[in-house]
Amino acid sequence: IMVYAGGHVSGGHYNPAVTLAVWLRGRCTQAEVPGYIGSQIAAGIVAAFVVLGLKGDPNVSAQEIAVFPALIAELVGTFALTFVVLNVATAKATAGNSYYGLAIGFTVTTMAFALGPVSGGAFNPAVAVGITVMKLAKVSHLWIYLVANFGAGALAAFVFRNIHPDDV
């Protein structure tokens, strides 16, 4: 829903891994990247505090995750998300479509159901920071999300550019 709400304003960038992929793909300027990513991380932190303010201390232990499976799950899920975004929201062949938000939303939903139990299903560095602030994820695991999510965004851009070399 939020992709549709903000897509025409900012490109619907709510995910630093997507911003990285869109920049590496050539549809976002380098000058825009720090502002997008800074805003996204700040929004993740603010959202965490809003939830904590509304619900109080969740009084739960951070989810235990196995490092290698979580790294792979976050890499696969984030790659799927960023690759779908590049193909439905930035490719010449899909310009002007009205289904991009559905494709993106269904990708996030599918990855969350399929891989969420393995890693927590962040697929977004800003979400990873938010769940860490909320103590739903361990600070010592934050690197897993950051490496996998940003790595997947870069990989998706590389794959997109190699599959669609003329789509610049």
Protein backbone atom coordinates (compact mmCIF):
# COMPACT_ATOMS: atom_id res chain seq x y z
CA ILE A 1 0.00 0.00 0.00
CA MET A 2 2.77 2.41 0.91
CA VAL A 3 4.57 1.70 -2.38
CA TYR A 4 1.47 2.95 -4.19
CA ALA A 5 1.14 5.88 -1.78
CA GLY A 6 4.71 7.12 -2.19
CA GLY A 7 5.83 5.71 -5.50
CA HIS A 8 4.96 8.83 -7.46
CA VAL A 9 6.60 11.08 -4.85
CA SER A 10 9.91 9.42 -4.06
CA GLY A 11 9.95 6.25 -6.09
CA GLY A 12 8.61 4.42 -3.06
CA HIS A 13 12.05 3.89 -1.58
CA TYR A 14 11.44 2.53 1.91
CA ASN A 15 14.32 0.09 1.88
CA PRO A 16 18.03 0.96 1.76
CA ALA A 17 18.76 -2.26 -0.16
CA VAL A 18 16.27 -1.16 -2.83
CA THR A 19 17.87 2.29 -2.94
CA LEU A 20 21.28 0.70 -3.43
CA ALA A 21 19.92 -1.54 -6.21
CA VAL A 22 18.14 1.33 -7.95
CA TRP A 23 21.29 3.48 -7.75
CA LEU A 24 23.57 0.72 -9.06
CA ARG A 25 21.03 0.03 -11.80
CA GLY A 26 21.27 3.70 -12.81
CA ARG A 27 17.85 5.07 -11.83
CA CYS A 28 18.87 7.10 -8.79
CA THR A 29 21.70 9.62 -8.50
CA GLN A 30 24.58 9.14 -6.11
CA ALA A 31 23.65 12.47 -4.50
CA GLU A 32 20.19 11.09 -3.61
CA VAL A 33 21.45 7.90 -1.96
CA PRO A 34 22.59 9.30 1.44
CA GLY A 35 19.32 11.18 1.91
CA TYR A 36 17.21 8.16 1.04
CA ILE A 37 19.18 5.76 3.22
CA GLY A 38 19.46 8.20 6.12
CA SER A 39 15.70 8.82 6.00
CA GLN A 40 14.94 5.10 5.77
CA ILE A 41 17.12 4.20 8.76
CA ALA A 42 15.72 7.12 10.77
CA ALA A 43 12.18 5.99 9.89
CA GLY A 44 13.01 2.47 11.08
CA ILE A 45 14.21 3.83 14.41
CA VAL A 46 11.22 6.18 14.80
CA ALA A 47 8.82 3.36 13.93
CA ALA A 48 10.45 1.15 16.57
CA PHE A 49 9.96 3.82 19.23
CA VAL A 50 6.37 4.43 18.14
CA VAL A 51 5.59 0.74 18.46
CA LEU A 52 7.34 0.56 21.82
CA GLY A 53 5.39 3.64 22.94
CA LEU A 54 2.09 2.13 21.85
CA LYS A 55 2.67 -1.39 23.07
CA GLY A 56 5.24 -0.93 25.80
CA ASP A 57 8.26 -3.12 26.36
CA PRO A 58 7.62 -6.34 24.43
CA ASN A 59 9.26 -8.25 27.29
CA VAL A 60 10.51 -10.91 24.90
CA SER A 61 13.90 -12.33 24.20
CA ALA A 62 15.53 -11.59 20.88
CA GLN A 63 14.94 -14.34 18.36
CA GLU A 64 17.72 -16.90 18.21
CA ILE A 65 18.91 -17.36 14.65
CA ALA A 66 21.59 -19.55 13.15
CA VAL A 67 24.07 -17.27 11.39
CA PHE A 68 24.60 -19.06 8.07
CA PRO A 69 20.95 -20.01 7.40
CA ALA A 70 19.85 -16.48 8.39
CA LEU A 71 22.46 -14.93 6.11
CA ILE A 72 21.27 -17.05 3.19
CA ALA A 73 17.57 -16.43 3.95
CA GLU A 74 18.08 -12.67 4.10
CA LEU A 75 20.18 -12.73 0.93
CA VAL A 76 17.58 -14.75 -1.01
CA GLY A 77 14.60 -12.78 0.29
CA THR A 78 16.19 -9.39 -0.29
CA PHE A 79 17.46 -10.42 -3.71
CA ALA A 80 13.95 -11.49 -4.71
CA LEU A 81 12.51 -8.21 -3.46
CA THR A 82 15.09 -5.93 -5.05
CA PHE A 83 15.11 -7.85 -8.33
CA VAL A 84 11.32 -7.63 -8.54
CA VAL A 85 11.47 -3.88 -7.81
CA LEU A 86 14.04 -3.34 -10.55
CA ASN A 87 11.96 -5.29 -13.06
CA VAL A 88 8.49 -3.95 -12.30
CA ALA A 89 9.25 -0.40 -11.23
CA THR A 90 12.35 0.65 -13.20
CA ALA A 91 12.48 -1.39 -16.43
CA LYS A 92 11.52 0.20 -19.75
CA ALA A 93 9.38 -2.83 -20.62
CA THR A 94 7.13 -2.30 -17.59
CA ALA A 95 6.94 1.52 -17.69
CA GLY A 96 3.53 2.84 -16.76
CA ASN A 97 2.27 -0.42 -15.29
CA SER A 98 -0.19 -0.34 -12.42
CA TYR A 99 0.74 -3.66 -10.82
CA TYR A 100 4.19 -2.83 -9.50
CA GLY A 101 2.94 -2.38 -5.93
CA LEU A 102 1.18 -5.74 -5.96
CA ALA A 103 4.25 -7.52 -7.29
CA ILE A 104 6.45 -5.89 -4.64
CA GLY A 105 3.97 -6.52 -1.82
CA PHE A 106 3.41 -10.14 -2.77
CA THR A 107 7.18 -10.68 -2.96
CA VAL A 108 7.64 -9.34 0.57
CA THR A 109 4.72 -11.44 1.83
CA THR A 110 5.97 -14.61 0.15
CA MET A 111 9.52 -14.15 1.41
CA ALA A 112 8.25 -13.40 4.94
CA PHE A 113 6.20 -16.61 5.03
CA ALA A 114 8.91 -18.72 3.41
CA LEU A 115 12.03 -17.35 5.10
CA GLY A 116 10.83 -15.36 8.11
CA PRO A 117 11.11 -18.31 10.49
CA VAL A 118 14.78 -18.71 9.52
CA SER A 119 15.97 -15.09 9.84
CA GLY A 120 13.14 -12.98 11.18
CA GLY A 121 12.30 -11.85 7.66
CA ALA A 122 13.62 -8.29 7.63
CA PHE A 123 14.77 -8.07 3.98
CA ASN A 124 15.40 -4.39 4.69
CA PRO A 125 18.27 -2.80 6.65
CA ALA A 126 15.91 -0.16 8.11
CA VAL A 127 13.61 -2.89 9.42
CA ALA A 128 16.64 -4.72 10.81
CA VAL A 129 17.69 -1.60 12.69
CA GLY A 130 14.12 -1.15 13.95
CA ILE A 131 13.76 -4.70 15.25
CA THR A 132 17.17 -4.36 16.88
CA VAL A 133 16.09 -1.15 18.64
CA MET A 134 12.99 -3.02 19.83
CA LYS A 135 15.23 -5.84 21.12
CA LEU A 136 13.44 -8.33 18.86
CA ALA A 137 16.79 -9.04 17.22
CA LYS A 138 20.19 -9.14 18.87
CA VAL A 139 22.61 -6.29 18.26
CA SER A 140 25.24 -8.96 17.54
CA HIS A 141 23.09 -10.17 14.61
CA LEU A 142 22.62 -6.78 12.94
CA TRP A 143 25.61 -7.40 10.68
CA ILE A 144 23.83 -10.44 9.19
CA TYR A 145 20.98 -8.28 7.96
CA LEU A 146 23.20 -5.46 6.75
CA VAL A 147 25.61 -7.69 4.83
CA ALA A 148 22.89 -9.89 3.33
CA ASN A 149 20.48 -7.06 2.49
CA PHE A 150 23.00 -4.70 0.92
CA GLY A 151 24.78 -7.60 -0.78
CA ALA A 152 21.47 -8.77 -2.27
CA GLY A 153 20.66 -5.28 -3.51
CA ALA A 154 24.03 -5.05 -5.24
CA LEU A 155 23.64 -8.55 -6.68
CA ALA A 156 20.14 -7.78 -7.99
CA ALA A 157 21.43 -4.65 -9.75
CA PHE A 158 24.32 -6.63 -11.27
CA VAL A 159 21.97 -9.37 -12.52
CA PHE A 160 19.46 -6.83 -13.86
CA ARG A 161 22.11 -4.90 -15.75
CA ASN A 162 23.47 -8.12 -17.27
CA ILE A 163 20.05 -9.40 -18.30
CA HIS A 164 18.94 -5.98 -19.62
CA PRO A 165 22.15 -4.27 -20.84
CA ASP A 166 20.24 -1.84 -23.06
CA ASP A 167 17.81 -0.71 -20.35
CA VAL A 168 19.59 2.35 -18.98
